[in-house]
Amino acid sequence: MPQIQDTLLEEMHATRKTILIVEDDPYIGEFLTMAISQETPYQALLAETGERAFEMIQHVKPSLFVLDYVLGSSCDFPECQFAEISR
């Protein structure tokens, strides 16, 4: 199933610029995803973990990351470490 999802991600990314939201709270993640998708010209995608975010960026090159502050400090991936340094 992840392969099908990744193909869909690539197709969606081709039509709109993408913001990747990395948020482990499902309510906050869903709110941000809906608000960004409905109120801006960007497409918002949600990753619930740093690991899933890393998988997603293999197929989609987001224009922007929105990273949960607390999740960023527990993430071992270079993208999260970059975000940690950028704060």
C-alpha atoms as a PDB file:
ATOM      1  CA  MET A   1       0.000   0.000   0.000  1.00  0.00           C
ATOM      2  CA  PRO A   2       2.798   2.554   0.687  1.00  0.00           C
ATOM      3  CA  GLN A   3       3.939   2.217  -2.934  1.00  0.00           C
ATOM      4  CA  ILE A   4       0.470   3.192  -4.195  1.00  0.00           C
ATOM      5  CA  GLN A   5       0.346   6.089  -1.721  1.00  0.00           C
ATOM      6  CA  ASP A   6       3.784   7.281  -2.835  1.00  0.00           C
ATOM      7  CA  THR A   7       2.723   7.226  -6.498  1.00  0.00           C
ATOM      8  CA  LEU A   8      -0.342   9.282  -5.619  1.00  0.00           C
ATOM      9  CA  LEU A   9       1.857  11.722  -3.711  1.00  0.00           C
ATOM     10  CA  GLU A  10       4.057  12.208  -6.764  1.00  0.00           C
ATOM     11  CA  GLU A  11       1.029  12.858  -8.998  1.00  0.00           C
ATOM     12  CA  MET A  12      -0.495  15.329  -6.552  1.00  0.00           C
ATOM     13  CA  HIS A  13       2.804  17.157  -6.155  1.00  0.00           C
ATOM     14  CA  ALA A  14       3.053  17.680  -9.912  1.00  0.00           C
ATOM     15  CA  THR A  15      -0.031  19.934  -9.901  1.00  0.00           C
ATOM     16  CA  ARG A  16       0.463  22.130  -6.796  1.00  0.00           C
ATOM     17  CA  LYS A  17       3.334  23.257  -4.575  1.00  0.00           C
ATOM     18  CA  THR A  18       3.421  21.258  -1.396  1.00  0.00           C
ATOM     19  CA  ILE A  19       3.744  21.945   2.314  1.00  0.00           C
ATOM     20  CA  LEU A  20       4.673  18.922   4.407  1.00  0.00           C
ATOM     21  CA  ILE A  21       3.296  19.037   7.942  1.00  0.00           C
ATOM     22  CA  VAL A  22       5.064  16.782  10.454  1.00  0.00           C
ATOM     23  CA  GLU A  23       2.735  16.553  13.450  1.00  0.00           C
ATOM     24  CA  ASP A  24       2.040  13.626  15.767  1.00  0.00           C
ATOM     25  CA  ASP A  25      -1.216  15.024  17.206  1.00  0.00           C
ATOM     26  CA  PRO A  26      -3.935  13.884  14.781  1.00  0.00           C
ATOM     27  CA  TYR A  27      -6.275  16.794  15.576  1.00  0.00           C
ATOM     28  CA  ILE A  28      -3.657  19.485  15.053  1.00  0.00           C
ATOM     29  CA  GLY A  29      -2.317  17.739  11.961  1.00  0.00           C
ATOM     30  CA  GLU A  30      -5.753  17.434  10.379  1.00  0.00           C
ATOM     31  CA  PHE A  31      -6.612  21.044  11.221  1.00  0.00           C
ATOM     32  CA  LEU A  32      -3.401  22.387   9.669  1.00  0.00           C
ATOM     33  CA  THR A  33      -3.752  20.180   6.603  1.00  0.00           C
ATOM     34  CA  MET A  34      -7.339  21.275   5.955  1.00  0.00           C
ATOM     35  CA  ALA A  35      -6.694  24.954   6.656  1.00  0.00           C
ATOM     36  CA  ILE A  36      -3.676  25.135   4.372  1.00  0.00           C
ATOM     37  CA  SER A  37      -5.306  23.136   1.561  1.00  0.00           C
ATOM     38  CA  GLN A  38      -8.527  25.153   1.652  1.00  0.00           C
ATOM     39  CA  GLU A  39      -7.187  28.640   2.304  1.00  0.00           C
ATOM     40  CA  THR A  40      -3.972  28.738   0.274  1.00  0.00           C
ATOM     41  CA  PRO A  41      -2.850  27.705  -3.204  1.00  0.00           C
ATOM     42  CA  TYR A  42      -0.642  25.029  -1.613  1.00  0.00           C
ATOM     43  CA  GLN A  43      -1.299  21.364  -1.149  1.00  0.00           C
ATOM     44  CA  ALA A  44      -0.739  20.179   2.420  1.00  0.00           C
ATOM     45  CA  LEU A  45       0.418  16.674   3.257  1.00  0.00           C
ATOM     46  CA  LEU A  46       0.603  15.207   6.739  1.00  0.00           C
ATOM     47  CA  ALA A  47       3.275  12.910   8.177  1.00  0.00           C
ATOM     48  CA  GLU A  48       2.586  11.669  11.703  1.00  0.00           C
ATOM     49  CA  THR A  49       6.214  10.731  12.401  1.00  0.00           C
ATOM     50  CA  GLY A  50       9.652  11.853  11.368  1.00  0.00           C
ATOM     51  CA  GLU A  51      10.167   8.458   9.755  1.00  0.00           C
ATOM     52  CA  ARG A  52       7.065   8.884   7.577  1.00  0.00           C
ATOM     53  CA  ALA A  53       8.156  12.418   6.656  1.00  0.00           C
ATOM     54  CA  PHE A  54      11.497  11.017   5.512  1.00  0.00           C
ATOM     55  CA  GLU A  55       9.716   8.389   3.380  1.00  0.00           C
ATOM     56  CA  MET A  56       7.427  11.014   1.860  1.00  0.00           C
ATOM     57  CA  ILE A  57      10.234  13.354   0.848  1.00  0.00           C
ATOM     58  CA  GLN A  58      11.741  10.549  -1.210  1.00  0.00           C
ATOM     59  CA  HIS A  59       8.742  10.992  -3.549  1.00  0.00           C
ATOM     60  CA  VAL A  60       7.655  14.577  -2.975  1.00  0.00           C
ATOM     61  CA  LYS A  61       9.950  17.569  -2.657  1.00  0.00           C
ATOM     62  CA  PRO A  62       7.975  19.935  -0.423  1.00  0.00           C
ATOM     63  CA  SER A  63       8.344  23.680  -0.779  1.00  0.00           C
ATOM     64  CA  LEU A  64       8.036  24.035   2.997  1.00  0.00           C
ATOM     65  CA  PHE A  65       8.146  21.883   6.127  1.00  0.00           C
ATOM     66  CA  VAL A  66       5.973  22.624   9.143  1.00  0.00           C
ATOM     67  CA  LEU A  67       7.547  20.636  11.952  1.00  0.00           C
ATOM     68  CA  ASP A  68       6.112  20.036  15.409  1.00  0.00           C
ATOM     69  CA  TYR A  69       8.568  21.728  17.791  1.00  0.00           C
ATOM     70  CA  VAL A  70       8.672  18.807  20.246  1.00  0.00           C
ATOM     71  CA  LEU A  71       8.727  16.150  17.522  1.00  0.00           C
ATOM     72  CA  GLY A  72      11.708  17.860  15.890  1.00  0.00           C
ATOM     73  CA  SER A  73      13.881  17.429  18.953  1.00  0.00           C
ATOM     74  CA  SER A  74      13.248  13.662  19.009  1.00  0.00           C
ATOM     75  CA  CYS A  75      13.791  13.093  15.292  1.00  0.00           C
ATOM     76  CA  ASP A  76      17.069  11.571  14.097  1.00  0.00           C
ATOM     77  CA  PHE A  77      16.751  12.420  10.406  1.00  0.00           C
ATOM     78  CA  PRO A  78      18.927  15.141   8.816  1.00  0.00           C
ATOM     79  CA  GLU A  79      15.856  17.125   7.705  1.00  0.00           C
ATOM     80  CA  CYS A  80      14.648  17.321  11.289  1.00  0.00           C
ATOM     81  CA  GLN A  81      18.112  18.203  12.533  1.00  0.00           C
ATOM     82  CA  PHE A  82      18.238  21.029   9.988  1.00  0.00           C
ATOM     83  CA  ALA A  83      14.895  22.281  11.278  1.00  0.00           C
ATOM     84  CA  GLU A  84      16.220  22.028  14.834  1.00  0.00           C
ATOM     85  CA  ILE A  85      19.222  24.208  13.940  1.00  0.00           C
ATOM     86  CA  SER A  86      17.021  26.692  12.079  1.00  0.00           C
ATOM     87  CA  ARG A  87      14.803  27.477  15.074  1.00  0.00           C
END
